Amino acid sequence: MPPLPKLTDEEKRMLNGDEGVVKQKCMQYLVEMCQIAGAERLVDLDGTGDMHTPGLELSQHIVITIDELAEFAEQGGKFKIPTFANKSPFSEQPPIHGWENCNICAYKNPETRHDDPEFHKKAMHDEEFKILRKMGLITTHSCANYLTMSYLPSVGQHCSWFESSQMPYCNATLGARTNFDGTLATCLLGKAPYYDMHITENRYGTILIETDRLIQTDLEWDVYGFTVGEACDVEVPVVTGTTRPTTTQYQKFNSACSTGGATRMYHLPGITPEAPTIEHATGGRPFKKQIFIGENELRKTYEILNFHTTDNVDFVYLGCPHLNIVDLMILARKLEGKKCKVPLWIMTAPWLYNSARDLGYLEIFDKAGAHLMSGACLAAMGAVPEGVRNIAVDSAKQAYYITGCYPDDDYRLQVCYGSQDDCIDAALTGKWRGEWR
């Protein structure tokens, strides 16, 4: 059995139950996580939390009951750090806006319809969610909640985030520190196991990534990210060969590299906060190895992410990760005055939906026959609209995940993957003409 971590007097009191059963169970869980990870102690969090709900079942044998949580909240219990929820507690996650016309029966639960008013009402008024909000949980319903949380951690602050694309955004893009550990326990107590990305030594780059193609378009950032993730696994890459990324390109690269592999930290020399130079990024240490990602490797990734035997497209989905407000503006310009031949879904964060409406983008989308939605994604909903067989997407992460919703041989969802312009063309024509250029 691994040794127990070193606890402060305060932490020992919580573990003994002196501060109530909820904090006791949370501390039991954190001690267990320290033992699993080999962490010698806990670190006090001074940044933000991203709680992945539902969150009362901390482990198979550590469960906080809804009654225990309600009593804790009634007695004034609050989250220790600013905490954001990136999704609904419902496993079959419904959209916040645009659910009325989604025409989806969840594949794993055919009795669940996402366009059922009663299902949506129940999801939005879940008892656990109401209690957590009373405790201070800020609900964003977005995988990219950093777009809207309006309160971001600064360089060096210790956080506790969860969603896969948020790991590299927190660690690399912002220079804050987190592991894949955003839970009720970490956010409630404001503590997390002190290991991996919380420790400076573990954040240095260990692998050099080079390419002979200048990575500059959204699609290139997406494909490059997936290839980097696949090549590096859990190592920390120092990535060269790119332009300075936009917010959209950060979103794409971060989501793709933690989908292709387990990349939760990387460095872009001269760009990301902890890498003014390659020497700073590595702490002056030599690389374990150098990896070259050339045209052949990029094309191979692009082809892997395409899984279709026909060029007939019957559905187009944009918004993984959720689109930011500039994405919506550009998309509205591209669709203005045009008409979609096949359904086009556009997904954004709920906090941006009303902004898109007020700016006139929603009206443009409606006239084009496109459907603006918020707060979910196809993979989280567990299905695509009934009758859809061939979908077009511009996200490596969505292309990789959505096929997993349909593992049976009698219904293999086909996916066309390419640029946003390729997807818009497919929505307008019903045909896929995308290619790696």
Protein backbone atom coordinates (compact mmCIF):
# COMPACT_ATOMS: atom_id res chain seq x y z
CA MET A 1 0.00 0.00 0.00
CA PRO A 2 1.49 3.42 -0.96
CA PRO A 3 2.31 5.70 1.97
CA LEU A 4 -0.15 8.36 3.09
CA PRO A 5 0.65 11.92 2.01
CA LYS A 6 1.91 14.44 4.55
CA LEU A 7 -1.12 16.37 5.77
CA THR A 8 -1.37 19.70 7.55
CA ASP A 9 -3.27 19.95 10.84
CA GLU A 10 -6.23 21.44 8.98
CA GLU A 11 -6.23 18.58 6.48
CA LYS A 12 -6.05 16.03 9.29
CA ARG A 13 -9.07 17.59 10.99
CA MET A 14 -11.07 17.33 7.78
CA LEU A 15 -9.98 13.72 7.29
CA ASN A 16 -11.06 12.90 10.85
CA GLY A 17 -14.53 14.33 10.19
CA ASP A 18 -14.18 17.35 12.48
CA GLU A 19 -15.58 19.61 9.74
CA GLY A 20 -18.42 17.37 8.63
CA VAL A 21 -19.02 14.33 6.47
CA VAL A 22 -18.84 16.10 3.09
CA LYS A 23 -15.37 17.53 3.69
CA GLN A 24 -14.30 14.24 5.25
CA LYS A 25 -15.28 12.26 2.14
CA CYS A 26 -13.62 14.83 -0.11
CA MET A 27 -10.41 14.55 1.91
CA GLN A 28 -10.57 10.76 1.85
CA TYR A 29 -10.77 10.94 -1.93
CA LEU A 30 -7.83 13.36 -2.21
CA VAL A 31 -5.70 11.15 0.06
CA GLU A 32 -6.55 8.19 -2.16
CA MET A 33 -5.62 10.18 -5.28
CA CYS A 34 -2.29 11.14 -3.70
CA GLN A 35 -1.54 7.48 -3.08
CA ILE A 36 -2.44 6.53 -6.65
CA ALA A 37 -0.41 9.38 -8.18
CA GLY A 38 2.51 9.12 -5.79
CA ALA A 39 1.96 12.67 -4.54
CA GLU A 40 3.66 13.36 -1.19
CA ARG A 41 1.29 16.19 -0.26
CA LEU A 42 -1.60 18.38 -1.33
CA VAL A 43 -1.23 21.81 -2.92
CA ASP A 44 -3.46 24.77 -2.05
CA LEU A 45 -5.24 26.04 -5.13
CA ASP A 46 -5.11 29.78 -5.83
CA GLY A 47 -6.61 29.66 -9.33
CA THR A 48 -9.93 28.36 -10.59
CA GLY A 49 -11.79 25.05 -10.72
CA ASP A 50 -13.61 23.27 -13.52
CA MET A 51 -15.95 20.69 -12.00
CA HIS A 52 -17.06 17.92 -14.31
CA THR A 53 -20.58 16.99 -13.24
CA PRO A 54 -22.21 14.79 -12.05
CA GLY A 55 -19.75 14.73 -9.19
CA LEU A 56 -21.15 13.08 -6.06
CA GLU A 57 -19.62 9.69 -6.82
CA LEU A 58 -16.00 10.53 -6.17
CA SER A 59 -14.93 6.90 -6.51
CA GLN A 60 -16.54 3.47 -6.41
CA HIS A 61 -16.48 3.49 -2.61
CA ILE A 62 -16.55 7.22 -1.77
CA VAL A 63 -19.97 8.67 -2.54
CA ILE A 64 -21.57 11.84 -1.18
CA THR A 65 -25.34 11.49 -0.96
CA ILE A 66 -27.67 14.19 -2.21
CA ASP A 67 -28.96 14.62 1.36
CA GLU A 68 -25.43 15.12 2.70
CA LEU A 69 -24.73 17.71 0.02
CA ALA A 70 -28.05 19.50 0.68
CA GLU A 71 -27.32 19.70 4.41
CA PHE A 72 -23.80 21.00 3.72
CA ALA A 73 -25.20 23.74 1.46
CA GLU A 74 -27.95 24.60 3.94
CA GLN A 75 -25.30 25.17 6.60
CA GLY A 76 -23.55 27.66 4.32
CA GLY A 77 -21.02 25.37 2.66
CA LYS A 78 -19.33 26.93 -0.39
CA PHE A 79 -16.67 26.09 -2.94
CA LYS A 80 -13.23 27.26 -1.79
CA ILE A 81 -12.17 28.50 -5.24
CA PRO A 82 -14.10 30.05 -8.17
CA THR A 83 -15.61 26.94 -9.75
CA PHE A 84 -17.18 26.50 -13.16
CA ALA A 85 -19.20 23.52 -14.43
CA ASN A 86 -18.61 22.65 -18.05
CA LYS A 87 -21.61 20.36 -18.52
CA SER A 88 -24.94 19.27 -17.16
CA PRO A 89 -25.12 16.48 -14.54
CA PHE A 90 -27.23 14.51 -17.04
CA SER A 91 -25.31 11.77 -18.83
CA GLU A 92 -27.38 12.35 -21.97
CA GLN A 93 -26.44 16.03 -22.18
CA PRO A 94 -29.19 18.21 -23.71
CA PRO A 95 -28.57 21.49 -25.55
CA ILE A 96 -29.44 24.69 -23.68
CA HIS A 97 -30.63 26.56 -26.79
CA GLY A 98 -32.00 25.01 -29.96
CA TRP A 99 -33.08 21.71 -28.39
CA GLU A 100 -36.65 22.00 -29.71
CA ASN A 101 -35.79 20.90 -33.26
CA CYS A 102 -32.83 18.60 -32.74
CA ASN A 103 -34.68 15.37 -33.67
CA ILE A 104 -32.40 13.10 -31.68
CA CYS A 105 -33.03 9.87 -29.85
CA ALA A 106 -29.98 8.91 -27.82
CA TYR A 107 -28.42 5.82 -29.38
CA LYS A 108 -27.66 4.18 -26.02
CA ASN A 109 -31.04 5.15 -24.57
CA PRO A 110 -33.70 5.21 -27.33
CA GLU A 111 -36.36 6.38 -24.90
CA THR A 112 -34.48 9.64 -24.36
CA ARG A 113 -35.46 12.35 -26.83
CA HIS A 114 -33.52 15.58 -26.71
CA ASP A 115 -36.44 17.50 -28.21
CA ASP A 116 -38.79 16.34 -25.42
CA PRO A 117 -39.81 19.40 -23.30
CA GLU A 118 -40.15 17.26 -20.17
CA PHE A 119 -36.66 15.79 -20.58
CA HIS A 120 -35.19 19.26 -21.09
CA LYS A 121 -37.05 20.70 -18.11
CA LYS A 122 -35.87 17.85 -15.87
CA ALA A 123 -32.28 18.29 -17.01
CA MET A 124 -32.29 22.03 -16.41
CA HIS A 125 -33.81 21.73 -12.93
CA ASP A 126 -31.78 18.79 -11.68
CA GLU A 127 -31.67 18.76 -7.86
CA GLU A 128 -27.92 18.21 -7.67
CA PHE A 129 -27.31 21.18 -9.94
CA LYS A 130 -29.51 23.46 -7.83
CA ILE A 131 -27.60 22.58 -4.66
CA LEU A 132 -24.21 23.03 -6.34
CA ARG A 133 -25.26 26.43 -7.63
CA LYS A 134 -26.23 27.43 -4.10
CA MET A 135 -22.70 26.50 -3.08
CA GLY A 136 -21.25 28.80 -5.74
CA LEU A 137 -20.96 26.62 -8.84
CA ILE A 138 -20.99 28.80 -11.97
CA THR A 139 -22.65 26.84 -14.77
CA THR A 140 -21.31 27.54 -18.25
CA HIS A 141 -22.49 24.36 -20.03
CA SER A 142 -19.47 24.61 -22.30
CA CYS A 143 -16.44 22.45 -23.02
CA ALA A 144 -14.69 25.75 -23.82
CA ASN A 145 -15.82 27.58 -20.70
CA TYR A 146 -12.61 29.64 -20.77
CA LEU A 147 -14.32 31.57 -23.61
CA THR A 148 -16.96 32.94 -21.31
CA MET A 149 -15.92 32.50 -17.68
CA SER A 150 -14.44 36.06 -17.73
CA TYR A 151 -12.22 35.11 -14.79
CA LEU A 152 -9.08 33.32 -15.92
CA PRO A 153 -6.12 32.13 -13.84
CA SER A 154 -2.78 33.86 -14.29
CA VAL A 155 0.65 32.39 -14.93
CA GLY A 156 1.75 30.01 -12.18
CA GLN A 157 -1.58 29.76 -10.36
CA HIS A 158 -2.63 26.28 -9.29
CA CYS A 159 -6.00 25.18 -10.70
CA SER A 160 -8.12 22.06 -10.90
CA TRP A 161 -9.61 21.66 -14.38
CA PHE A 162 -11.06 18.61 -16.06
CA GLU A 163 -12.21 18.70 -19.69
CA SER A 164 -9.57 17.31 -22.06
CA SER A 165 -9.13 20.34 -24.33
CA GLN A 166 -8.94 22.60 -21.27
CA MET A 167 -5.83 20.86 -19.90
CA PRO A 168 -3.41 22.31 -22.48
CA TYR A 169 -5.34 25.60 -22.53
CA CYS A 170 -4.73 26.06 -18.81
CA ASN A 171 -1.17 24.72 -18.75
CA ALA A 172 0.25 25.86 -22.07
CA THR A 173 -1.87 28.74 -23.36
CA LEU A 174 -2.35 30.47 -19.98
CA GLY A 175 0.69 29.17 -18.11
CA ALA A 176 -1.42 28.22 -15.09
CA ARG A 177 -1.13 24.73 -13.57
CA THR A 178 -3.56 21.85 -13.53
CA ASN A 179 -3.85 18.11 -13.83
CA PHE A 180 -6.88 16.21 -15.08
CA ASP A 181 -8.55 16.43 -11.69
CA GLY A 182 -11.45 18.91 -11.61
CA THR A 183 -13.86 17.32 -9.11
CA LEU A 184 -16.18 18.28 -6.30
CA ALA A 185 -13.41 17.36 -3.85
CA THR A 186 -10.66 19.55 -5.32
CA CYS A 187 -12.91 22.56 -5.93
CA LEU A 188 -14.73 22.33 -2.61
CA LEU A 189 -11.60 22.04 -0.49
CA GLY A 190 -9.37 24.16 -2.72
CA LYS A 191 -6.71 21.46 -2.68
CA ALA A 192 -5.32 18.96 -5.18
CA PRO A 193 -2.64 16.23 -5.20
CA TYR A 194 0.77 17.86 -5.77
CA TYR A 195 2.20 16.00 -8.75
CA ASP A 196 2.76 16.19 -12.51
CA MET A 197 1.82 19.62 -13.94
CA HIS A 198 1.68 21.33 -10.54
CA ILE A 199 5.45 20.78 -10.22
CA THR A 200 7.78 23.07 -12.18
CA GLU A 201 10.27 20.32 -13.06
CA ASN A 202 7.56 18.30 -14.81
CA ARG A 203 6.52 21.19 -17.05
CA TYR A 204 9.75 21.44 -19.02
CA GLY A 205 9.74 20.27 -22.62
CA THR A 206 11.13 16.80 -23.24
CA ILE A 207 10.57 16.29 -26.98
CA LEU A 208 11.26 18.62 -29.90
CA ILE A 209 8.63 18.64 -32.69
CA GLU A 210 9.66 19.95 -36.10
CA THR A 211 7.86 20.24 -39.43
CA ASP A 212 8.68 21.43 -42.95
CA ARG A 213 5.20 22.91 -43.45
CA LEU A 214 4.32 26.30 -41.96
CA ILE A 215 1.29 25.63 -39.77
CA GLN A 216 -1.01 28.61 -40.23
CA THR A 217 -4.60 27.68 -41.20
CA ASP A 218 -7.25 26.42 -38.81
CA LEU A 219 -7.23 23.00 -40.48
CA GLU A 220 -3.44 22.76 -40.28
CA TRP A 221 -3.48 23.59 -36.56
CA ASP A 222 -6.13 20.90 -36.04
CA VAL A 223 -4.34 18.17 -38.00
CA TYR A 224 -0.94 19.13 -36.58
CA GLY A 225 -2.35 19.02 -33.04
CA PHE A 226 -3.75 15.51 -33.46
CA THR A 227 -0.46 14.32 -34.98
CA VAL A 228 1.58 15.90 -32.18
CA GLY A 229 -0.62 14.27 -29.55
CA GLU A 230 -0.33 10.88 -31.20
CA ALA A 231 3.46 11.18 -31.44
CA CYS A 232 4.08 12.44 -27.90
CA ASP A 233 1.57 10.62 -25.71
CA VAL A 234 2.30 11.95 -22.17
CA GLU A 235 5.60 13.72 -22.94
CA VAL A 236 5.77 17.54 -23.02
CA PRO A 237 6.53 18.67 -26.57
CA VAL A 238 8.27 21.83 -27.70
CA VAL A 239 6.43 22.53 -30.93
CA THR A 240 8.00 24.52 -33.77
CA GLY A 241 6.99 25.42 -37.32
CA THR A 242 3.87 27.48 -36.59
CA THR A 243 2.60 31.00 -36.91
CA ARG A 244 1.25 32.81 -33.84
CA PRO A 245 -2.13 31.12 -33.19
CA THR A 246 -5.49 32.84 -32.91
CA THR A 247 -7.92 31.92 -30.13
CA THR A 248 -9.68 29.60 -32.56
CA GLN A 249 -6.41 27.91 -33.48
CA TYR A 250 -5.50 27.48 -29.82
CA GLN A 251 -8.89 25.80 -29.34
CA LYS A 252 -8.31 23.48 -32.26
CA PHE A 253 -4.72 22.61 -31.40
CA ASN A 254 -5.47 22.02 -27.71
CA SER A 255 -8.49 19.81 -28.34
CA ALA A 256 -6.75 17.87 -31.09
CA CYS A 257 -3.47 17.20 -29.25
CA SER A 258 -5.29 15.87 -26.19
CA THR A 259 -7.48 13.70 -28.43
CA GLY A 260 -4.67 12.22 -30.51
CA GLY A 261 -2.70 11.57 -27.32
CA ALA A 262 -2.60 12.68 -23.71
CA THR A 263 -0.91 16.03 -24.20
CA ARG A 264 -1.79 18.31 -21.31
CA MET A 265 1.19 20.63 -21.68
CA TYR A 266 3.31 21.91 -24.58
CA HIS A 267 5.48 24.89 -25.46
CA LEU A 268 5.46 27.14 -28.54
CA PRO A 269 8.82 28.94 -28.37
CA GLY A 270 8.41 32.71 -28.38
CA ILE A 271 4.63 32.37 -27.98
CA THR A 272 3.40 30.51 -24.90
CA PRO A 273 4.14 32.06 -21.45
CA GLU A 274 6.74 29.56 -20.23
CA ALA A 275 8.71 29.39 -23.49
CA PRO A 276 10.30 32.71 -24.44
CA THR A 277 13.05 30.52 -25.95
CA ILE A 278 13.61 26.83 -26.52
CA GLU A 279 16.19 26.86 -23.71
CA HIS A 280 13.61 28.26 -21.28
CA ALA A 281 11.08 25.66 -22.44
CA THR A 282 13.44 22.80 -21.62
CA GLY A 283 15.03 24.25 -18.51
CA GLY A 284 18.35 23.98 -20.34
CA ARG A 285 18.12 20.20 -20.57
CA PRO A 286 18.69 18.15 -23.73
CA PHE A 287 15.67 16.67 -25.50
CA LYS A 288 14.94 12.98 -25.04
CA LYS A 289 14.27 12.83 -28.76
CA GLN A 290 13.32 14.87 -31.79
CA ILE A 291 10.26 14.06 -33.92
CA PHE A 292 9.75 15.28 -37.48
CA ILE A 293 6.17 15.65 -38.65
CA GLY A 294 6.21 16.20 -42.38
CA GLU A 295 3.72 16.25 -45.20
CA ASN A 296 3.29 12.47 -45.21
CA GLU A 297 2.46 12.35 -41.50
CA LEU A 298 -0.01 15.24 -41.75
CA ARG A 299 -1.74 13.71 -44.76
CA LYS A 300 -1.96 10.35 -42.97
CA THR A 301 -3.69 11.98 -39.99
CA TYR A 302 -6.11 13.78 -42.29
CA GLU A 303 -6.98 10.51 -44.00
CA ILE A 304 -7.42 8.66 -40.68
CA LEU A 305 -9.90 11.30 -39.52
CA ASN A 306 -11.92 10.82 -42.71
CA PHE A 307 -14.12 7.73 -42.57
CA HIS A 308 -16.54 7.69 -45.50
CA THR A 309 -17.23 5.66 -48.60
CA THR A 310 -19.53 8.20 -50.27
CA ASP A 311 -19.33 11.90 -51.00
CA ASN A 312 -23.04 12.40 -50.30
CA VAL A 313 -23.37 14.41 -47.07
CA ASP A 314 -26.68 14.55 -45.21
CA PHE A 315 -25.66 16.56 -42.13
CA VAL A 316 -22.99 19.15 -41.20
CA TYR A 317 -21.84 19.98 -37.67
CA LEU A 318 -19.63 22.89 -36.60
CA GLY A 319 -18.70 23.75 -33.03
CA CYS A 320 -16.27 21.36 -31.35
CA PRO A 321 -14.91 22.91 -29.22
CA HIS A 322 -17.73 25.44 -28.93
CA LEU A 323 -17.38 28.33 -31.34
CA ASN A 324 -16.24 31.70 -29.99
CA ILE A 325 -17.97 34.97 -30.94
CA VAL A 326 -15.53 35.78 -33.77
CA ASP A 327 -16.07 32.28 -35.22
CA LEU A 328 -19.81 33.03 -35.26
CA MET A 329 -19.26 36.41 -36.91
CA ILE A 330 -17.11 34.90 -39.69
CA LEU A 331 -19.55 32.04 -40.17
CA ALA A 332 -22.46 34.49 -40.48
CA ARG A 333 -20.57 36.39 -43.19
CA LYS A 334 -19.96 33.18 -45.13
CA LEU A 335 -23.62 32.10 -44.92
CA GLU A 336 -25.31 35.45 -45.51
CA GLY A 337 -27.56 35.32 -48.58
CA LYS A 338 -27.04 31.57 -49.06
CA LYS A 339 -29.26 28.55 -48.46
CA CYS A 340 -28.28 25.19 -47.00
CA LYS A 341 -29.29 22.07 -48.88
CA VAL A 342 -28.70 19.77 -45.90
CA PRO A 343 -29.03 20.50 -42.15
CA LEU A 344 -26.21 22.56 -40.67
CA TRP A 345 -25.83 22.71 -36.89
CA ILE A 346 -23.68 25.39 -35.26
CA MET A 347 -22.81 24.91 -31.58
CA THR A 348 -21.60 27.61 -29.19
CA ALA A 349 -21.44 28.34 -25.47
CA PRO A 350 -24.81 29.33 -23.92
CA TRP A 351 -23.36 32.61 -22.65
CA LEU A 352 -22.64 33.60 -26.28
CA TYR A 353 -26.00 32.62 -27.74
CA ASN A 354 -27.78 35.86 -26.83
CA SER A 355 -24.79 37.87 -28.04
CA ALA A 356 -25.04 36.12 -31.41
CA ARG A 357 -28.74 36.91 -31.50
CA ASP A 358 -28.25 40.57 -30.58
CA LEU A 359 -25.52 40.96 -33.20
CA GLY A 360 -27.81 39.63 -35.93
CA TYR A 361 -25.97 36.36 -36.54
CA LEU A 362 -28.92 34.21 -35.44
CA GLU A 363 -31.17 35.82 -38.04
CA ILE A 364 -28.59 35.21 -40.76
CA PHE A 365 -28.25 31.57 -39.73
CA ASP A 366 -32.03 31.10 -39.69
CA LYS A 367 -32.43 32.58 -43.18
CA ALA A 368 -29.66 30.31 -44.46
CA GLY A 369 -31.36 27.25 -42.98
CA ALA A 370 -28.60 26.76 -40.38
CA HIS A 371 -29.46 25.94 -36.77
CA LEU A 372 -27.61 27.75 -33.95
CA MET A 373 -27.51 25.77 -30.70
CA SER A 374 -25.61 25.91 -27.41
CA GLY A 375 -24.40 23.89 -24.47
CA ALA A 376 -23.80 20.41 -25.87
CA CYS A 377 -22.25 18.52 -28.76
CA LEU A 378 -23.17 15.46 -30.78
CA ALA A 379 -20.77 13.20 -28.88
CA ALA A 380 -22.07 14.43 -25.50
CA MET A 381 -25.67 13.96 -26.67
CA GLY A 382 -24.72 10.46 -27.73
CA ALA A 383 -26.35 10.57 -31.15
CA VAL A 384 -26.95 12.38 -34.42
CA PRO A 385 -30.39 13.29 -35.84
CA GLU A 386 -32.46 10.35 -37.02
CA GLY A 387 -31.66 9.19 -40.53
CA VAL A 388 -28.18 10.73 -40.68
CA ARG A 389 -25.57 8.42 -42.19
CA ASN A 390 -22.78 10.70 -43.42
CA ILE A 391 -21.75 13.75 -41.39
CA ALA A 392 -19.27 16.52 -42.23
CA VAL A 393 -17.22 18.15 -39.42
CA ASP A 394 -14.24 20.52 -39.16
CA SER A 395 -12.97 19.19 -35.82
CA ALA A 396 -10.46 16.38 -35.33
CA LYS A 397 -11.85 15.81 -31.84
CA GLN A 398 -15.45 15.46 -33.03
CA ALA A 399 -14.43 13.28 -35.99
CA TYR A 400 -12.64 10.95 -33.57
CA TYR A 401 -15.36 10.86 -30.89
CA ILE A 402 -18.60 10.77 -32.86
CA THR A 403 -17.89 7.46 -34.57
CA GLY A 404 -17.57 5.90 -31.11
CA CYS A 405 -21.26 6.59 -30.50
CA TYR A 406 -22.12 4.03 -33.19
CA PRO A 407 -19.89 0.98 -32.76
CA ASP A 408 -22.28 -1.58 -34.27
CA ASP A 409 -21.57 -2.98 -37.71
CA ASP A 410 -25.18 -2.42 -38.80
CA TYR A 411 -24.84 1.35 -38.31
CA ARG A 412 -21.37 2.78 -38.85
CA LEU A 413 -21.67 6.55 -38.99
CA GLN A 414 -19.48 7.94 -41.76
CA VAL A 415 -17.51 11.13 -41.24
CA CYS A 416 -16.13 13.66 -43.71
CA TYR A 417 -13.45 15.79 -42.06
CA GLY A 418 -11.98 18.98 -43.42
CA SER A 419 -11.90 22.76 -43.20
CA GLN A 420 -14.81 24.98 -42.21
CA ASP A 421 -15.09 26.14 -45.84
CA ASP A 422 -15.27 22.49 -46.97
CA CYS A 423 -18.08 21.92 -44.46
CA ILE A 424 -20.00 25.01 -45.55
CA ASP A 425 -19.71 23.87 -49.17
CA ALA A 426 -21.10 20.47 -48.13
CA ALA A 427 -24.01 22.14 -46.33
CA LEU A 428 -24.85 24.18 -49.43
CA THR A 429 -24.46 21.36 -51.95
CA GLY A 430 -24.94 18.08 -50.08
CA LYS A 431 -21.60 16.90 -51.51
CA TRP A 432 -18.15 16.50 -49.96
CA ARG A 433 -15.32 18.03 -51.95
CA GLY A 434 -12.78 18.51 -49.19
CA GLU A 435 -9.21 17.35 -49.57
CA TRP A 436 -5.81 17.83 -47.95
CA ARG A 437 -4.18 20.62 -49.91
